[in-house]
Amino acid sequence: MIFKRRLIYSALVSAAVLVASIIIPIVPCRKSAALYPPIYKWTLCSLNPDKVSSLNSVTEYFGYTTTLTDSFLLTIIISFVLAMVFFHFTARRKKR
């Protein structure tokens, strides 16, 4: 598969994963009550801004960030890299 096609397909896959993460909960996150010391519990979360509750709870997306902007960027980057690796190893080259 040509590198240009891999880039295009990987971009499409990462865009689809981003849209899917807004609709269905597929992003790993950990939640805790806003108490000291926090006791986190791992679960799957949605990146829908309407469903984010900031009252008395702390949500860390990917176990790394609490902001939606960073989690959007992480979702795009991780899915793009995984798609590039997948297409690199599964796509066959044309024999001439």
N, C-alpha and C. Protein backbone atom coordinates (compact mmCIF):
# COMPACT_ATOMS: atom_id res chain seq x y z
N MET A 1 0.85 -1.16 0.00
CA MET A 1 0.00 0.00 0.00
C MET A 1 0.90 1.23 0.00
N ILE A 2 0.59 2.18 -0.80
CA ILE A 2 1.37 3.40 -0.91
C ILE A 2 1.24 4.20 0.39
N PHE A 3 2.33 4.88 0.76
CA PHE A 3 2.36 5.64 2.01
C PHE A 3 1.26 6.70 2.06
N LYS A 4 0.98 7.32 0.93
CA LYS A 4 -0.05 8.36 0.88
C LYS A 4 -1.42 7.78 1.21
N ARG A 5 -1.71 6.58 0.70
CA ARG A 5 -2.98 5.93 1.01
C ARG A 5 -3.05 5.53 2.47
N ARG A 6 -1.94 5.07 3.02
CA ARG A 6 -1.91 4.73 4.45
C ARG A 6 -2.23 5.94 5.31
N LEU A 7 -1.68 7.09 4.93
CA LEU A 7 -1.97 8.32 5.67
C LEU A 7 -3.45 8.67 5.60
N ILE A 8 -4.02 8.60 4.40
CA ILE A 8 -5.43 8.94 4.22
C ILE A 8 -6.32 7.98 4.99
N TYR A 9 -6.06 6.68 4.87
CA TYR A 9 -6.88 5.69 5.57
C TYR A 9 -6.72 5.82 7.08
N SER A 10 -5.55 6.09 7.54
CA SER A 10 -5.34 6.26 8.98
C SER A 10 -6.04 7.51 9.50
N ALA A 11 -6.03 8.57 8.71
CA ALA A 11 -6.75 9.78 9.11
C ALA A 11 -8.25 9.53 9.17
N LEU A 12 -8.78 8.78 8.21
CA LEU A 12 -10.20 8.46 8.22
C LEU A 12 -10.56 7.57 9.42
N VAL A 13 -9.72 6.62 9.72
CA VAL A 13 -9.97 5.75 10.87
C VAL A 13 -9.92 6.55 12.17
N SER A 14 -8.97 7.44 12.31
CA SER A 14 -8.87 8.23 13.54
C SER A 14 -10.05 9.20 13.67
N ALA A 15 -10.54 9.74 12.57
CA ALA A 15 -11.72 10.59 12.62
C ALA A 15 -12.95 9.79 13.03
N ALA A 16 -13.06 8.57 12.50
CA ALA A 16 -14.19 7.71 12.86
C ALA A 16 -14.13 7.31 14.34
N VAL A 17 -12.95 7.04 14.84
CA VAL A 17 -12.81 6.70 16.26
C VAL A 17 -13.16 7.88 17.14
N LEU A 18 -12.78 9.08 16.73
CA LEU A 18 -13.12 10.28 17.50
C LEU A 18 -14.63 10.48 17.55
N VAL A 19 -15.30 10.34 16.42
CA VAL A 19 -16.76 10.49 16.39
C VAL A 19 -17.42 9.39 17.23
N ALA A 20 -16.90 8.18 17.11
CA ALA A 20 -17.46 7.08 17.90
C ALA A 20 -17.24 7.29 19.39
N SER A 21 -16.12 7.88 19.77
CA SER A 21 -15.86 8.12 21.19
C SER A 21 -16.77 9.20 21.77
N ILE A 22 -17.30 10.05 20.92
CA ILE A 22 -18.25 11.05 21.39
C ILE A 22 -19.63 10.41 21.59
N ILE A 23 -19.95 9.44 20.75
CA ILE A 23 -21.27 8.81 20.81
C ILE A 23 -21.33 7.69 21.85
N ILE A 24 -20.35 6.79 21.83
CA ILE A 24 -20.37 5.65 22.75
C ILE A 24 -19.15 5.70 23.67
N PRO A 25 -19.26 5.15 24.86
CA PRO A 25 -18.12 5.19 25.80
C PRO A 25 -17.07 4.14 25.46
N ILE A 26 -15.99 4.57 24.82
CA ILE A 26 -14.90 3.66 24.46
C ILE A 26 -13.54 4.13 24.97
N VAL A 27 -13.51 5.29 25.62
CA VAL A 27 -12.25 5.86 26.09
C VAL A 27 -12.02 5.40 27.54
N PRO A 28 -10.85 4.82 27.83
CA PRO A 28 -10.59 4.43 29.21
C PRO A 28 -10.37 5.65 30.10
N CYS A 29 -11.00 5.62 31.25
CA CYS A 29 -10.86 6.73 32.18
C CYS A 29 -10.94 6.19 33.60
N ARG A 30 -10.53 7.01 34.51
CA ARG A 30 -10.69 6.64 35.91
C ARG A 30 -11.39 7.77 36.64
N LYS A 31 -12.35 7.39 37.48
CA LYS A 31 -13.18 8.35 38.18
C LYS A 31 -12.98 8.22 39.68
N SER A 32 -13.16 9.35 40.35
CA SER A 32 -13.03 9.40 41.79
C SER A 32 -13.91 10.50 42.32
N ALA A 33 -14.33 10.34 43.56
CA ALA A 33 -15.02 11.43 44.23
C ALA A 33 -14.00 12.52 44.55
N ALA A 34 -14.48 13.75 44.65
CA ALA A 34 -13.57 14.87 44.90
C ALA A 34 -13.22 14.94 46.38
N LEU A 35 -12.60 13.90 46.87
CA LEU A 35 -12.18 13.83 48.26
C LEU A 35 -10.68 13.61 48.31
N TYR A 36 -10.11 13.84 49.49
CA TYR A 36 -8.70 13.56 49.66
C TYR A 36 -8.56 12.37 50.59
N PRO A 37 -7.81 11.41 50.30
CA PRO A 37 -7.12 11.03 49.08
C PRO A 37 -8.08 10.41 48.08
N PRO A 38 -7.90 10.69 46.81
CA PRO A 38 -8.83 10.13 45.81
C PRO A 38 -8.62 8.63 45.63
N ILE A 39 -9.73 7.92 45.53
CA ILE A 39 -9.71 6.49 45.25
C ILE A 39 -10.32 6.32 43.87
N TYR A 40 -9.47 5.98 42.89
CA TYR A 40 -9.90 5.91 41.51
C TYR A 40 -10.45 4.54 41.15
N LYS A 41 -11.40 4.54 40.21
CA LYS A 41 -11.96 3.31 39.67
C LYS A 41 -11.93 3.42 38.15
N TRP A 42 -11.32 2.42 37.48
CA TRP A 42 -11.22 2.43 36.03
C TRP A 42 -12.55 2.05 35.41
N THR A 43 -12.92 2.76 34.34
CA THR A 43 -14.15 2.50 33.59
C THR A 43 -14.00 3.05 32.18
N LEU A 44 -15.00 2.88 31.36
CA LEU A 44 -15.01 3.46 30.01
C LEU A 44 -15.91 4.69 30.01
N CYS A 45 -15.43 5.75 29.39
CA CYS A 45 -16.16 7.02 29.37
C CYS A 45 -16.41 7.49 27.95
N SER A 46 -17.35 8.37 27.81
CA SER A 46 -17.65 9.02 26.55
C SER A 46 -17.02 10.41 26.55
N LEU A 47 -16.65 10.90 25.39
CA LEU A 47 -16.07 12.25 25.29
C LEU A 47 -17.11 13.30 24.94
N ASN A 48 -18.36 13.00 25.18
CA ASN A 48 -19.44 13.94 24.91
C ASN A 48 -19.40 15.06 25.94
N PRO A 49 -19.25 16.32 25.51
CA PRO A 49 -19.15 17.43 26.46
C PRO A 49 -20.44 17.64 27.25
N ASP A 50 -21.57 17.19 26.72
CA ASP A 50 -22.83 17.37 27.44
C ASP A 50 -22.97 16.42 28.62
N LYS A 51 -22.25 15.31 28.60
CA LYS A 51 -22.35 14.32 29.66
C LYS A 51 -21.28 14.43 30.72
N VAL A 52 -20.45 15.45 30.64
CA VAL A 52 -19.38 15.63 31.62
C VAL A 52 -19.97 16.26 32.87
N SER A 53 -19.80 15.60 33.99
CA SER A 53 -20.27 16.16 35.26
C SER A 53 -19.06 16.58 36.07
N SER A 54 -19.02 17.81 36.47
CA SER A 54 -17.86 18.32 37.21
C SER A 54 -18.18 18.49 38.69
N LEU A 55 -19.36 18.10 39.11
CA LEU A 55 -19.74 18.26 40.50
C LEU A 55 -19.32 17.04 41.32
N ASN A 56 -18.47 17.27 42.28
CA ASN A 56 -18.05 16.26 43.25
C ASN A 56 -17.41 15.02 42.64
N SER A 57 -16.84 15.12 41.46
CA SER A 57 -16.13 13.98 40.90
C SER A 57 -14.97 14.46 40.03
N VAL A 58 -13.96 13.61 39.96
CA VAL A 58 -12.79 13.89 39.13
C VAL A 58 -12.69 12.76 38.11
N THR A 59 -12.57 13.12 36.84
CA THR A 59 -12.43 12.14 35.77
C THR A 59 -11.12 12.39 35.04
N GLU A 60 -10.29 11.36 35.00
CA GLU A 60 -9.03 11.43 34.26
C GLU A 60 -9.14 10.54 33.04
N TYR A 61 -9.11 11.13 31.86
CA TYR A 61 -9.19 10.37 30.62
C TYR A 61 -7.82 9.77 30.31
N PHE A 62 -7.78 8.51 29.95
CA PHE A 62 -6.56 7.76 29.69
C PHE A 62 -5.66 7.69 30.92
N GLY A 63 -6.19 8.05 32.09
CA GLY A 63 -5.38 8.07 33.30
C GLY A 63 -4.35 9.16 33.29
N TYR A 64 -4.52 10.15 32.42
CA TYR A 64 -3.49 11.16 32.21
C TYR A 64 -4.00 12.59 32.36
N THR A 65 -5.14 12.90 31.74
CA THR A 65 -5.60 14.28 31.69
C THR A 65 -7.06 14.39 32.13
N THR A 66 -7.41 15.56 32.62
CA THR A 66 -8.78 15.81 33.04
C THR A 66 -9.54 16.70 32.07
N THR A 67 -8.87 17.22 31.05
CA THR A 67 -9.54 18.12 30.11
C THR A 67 -9.98 17.36 28.86
N LEU A 68 -11.09 17.78 28.30
CA LEU A 68 -11.61 17.14 27.10
C LEU A 68 -10.75 17.43 25.87
N THR A 69 -10.17 18.61 25.80
CA THR A 69 -9.34 18.96 24.65
C THR A 69 -8.14 18.02 24.53
N ASP A 70 -7.47 17.79 25.64
CA ASP A 70 -6.33 16.87 25.61
C ASP A 70 -6.76 15.45 25.30
N SER A 71 -7.91 15.05 25.80
CA SER A 71 -8.38 13.70 25.52
C SER A 71 -8.79 13.54 24.06
N PHE A 72 -9.33 14.59 23.44
CA PHE A 72 -9.61 14.54 21.99
C PHE A 72 -8.31 14.33 21.22
N LEU A 73 -7.29 15.12 21.55
CA LEU A 73 -6.00 15.01 20.85
C LEU A 73 -5.36 13.64 21.08
N LEU A 74 -5.41 13.13 22.30
CA LEU A 74 -4.86 11.81 22.57
C LEU A 74 -5.60 10.72 21.81
N THR A 75 -6.91 10.84 21.70
CA THR A 75 -7.70 9.86 20.96
C THR A 75 -7.31 9.86 19.49
N ILE A 76 -7.16 11.04 18.91
CA ILE A 76 -6.78 11.14 17.50
C ILE A 76 -5.38 10.59 17.27
N ILE A 77 -4.44 10.96 18.12
CA ILE A 77 -3.04 10.53 17.93
C ILE A 77 -2.90 9.02 18.12
N ILE A 78 -3.49 8.48 19.17
CA ILE A 78 -3.36 7.04 19.44
C ILE A 78 -4.01 6.22 18.34
N SER A 79 -5.22 6.61 17.92
CA SER A 79 -5.89 5.84 16.86
C SER A 79 -5.16 5.97 15.53
N PHE A 80 -4.57 7.14 15.23
CA PHE A 80 -3.81 7.32 14.00
C PHE A 80 -2.58 6.42 13.98
N VAL A 81 -1.84 6.40 15.08
CA VAL A 81 -0.63 5.58 15.14
C VAL A 81 -0.97 4.10 15.06
N LEU A 82 -2.00 3.67 15.76
CA LEU A 82 -2.40 2.27 15.70
C LEU A 82 -2.86 1.87 14.30
N ALA A 83 -3.57 2.75 13.61
CA ALA A 83 -4.01 2.46 12.25
C ALA A 83 -2.81 2.39 11.29
N MET A 84 -1.84 3.30 11.46
CA MET A 84 -0.65 3.26 10.61
C MET A 84 0.12 1.95 10.80
N VAL A 85 0.28 1.52 12.03
CA VAL A 85 0.98 0.27 12.30
C VAL A 85 0.21 -0.90 11.73
N PHE A 86 -1.10 -0.90 11.90
CA PHE A 86 -1.94 -1.98 11.37
C PHE A 86 -1.83 -2.05 9.84
N PHE A 87 -1.95 -0.92 9.17
CA PHE A 87 -1.86 -0.92 7.70
C PHE A 87 -0.46 -1.25 7.21
N HIS A 88 0.55 -0.92 7.97
CA HIS A 88 1.92 -1.25 7.58
C HIS A 88 2.14 -2.75 7.55
N PHE A 89 1.62 -3.45 8.54
CA PHE A 89 1.87 -4.88 8.62
C PHE A 89 0.86 -5.74 7.87
N THR A 90 -0.33 -5.21 7.56
CA THR A 90 -1.34 -6.03 6.90
C THR A 90 -1.49 -5.75 5.42
N ALA A 91 -1.10 -4.59 4.98
CA ALA A 91 -1.27 -4.25 3.56
C ALA A 91 -0.18 -4.96 2.72
N ARG A 92 -0.60 -5.52 1.64
CA ARG A 92 0.35 -6.20 0.75
C ARG A 92 0.81 -5.24 -0.34
N ARG A 93 2.00 -5.41 -0.74
CA ARG A 93 2.55 -4.57 -1.81
C ARG A 93 2.35 -5.28 -3.13
N LYS A 94 2.16 -4.48 -4.15
CA LYS A 94 1.99 -5.04 -5.48
C LYS A 94 3.33 -5.51 -6.03
N LYS A 95 3.35 -6.69 -6.59
CA LYS A 95 4.57 -7.18 -7.21
C LYS A 95 4.59 -6.78 -8.66
N ARG A 96 5.70 -6.28 -9.08
CA ARG A 96 5.78 -5.82 -10.48
C ARG A 96 6.71 -6.68 -11.26
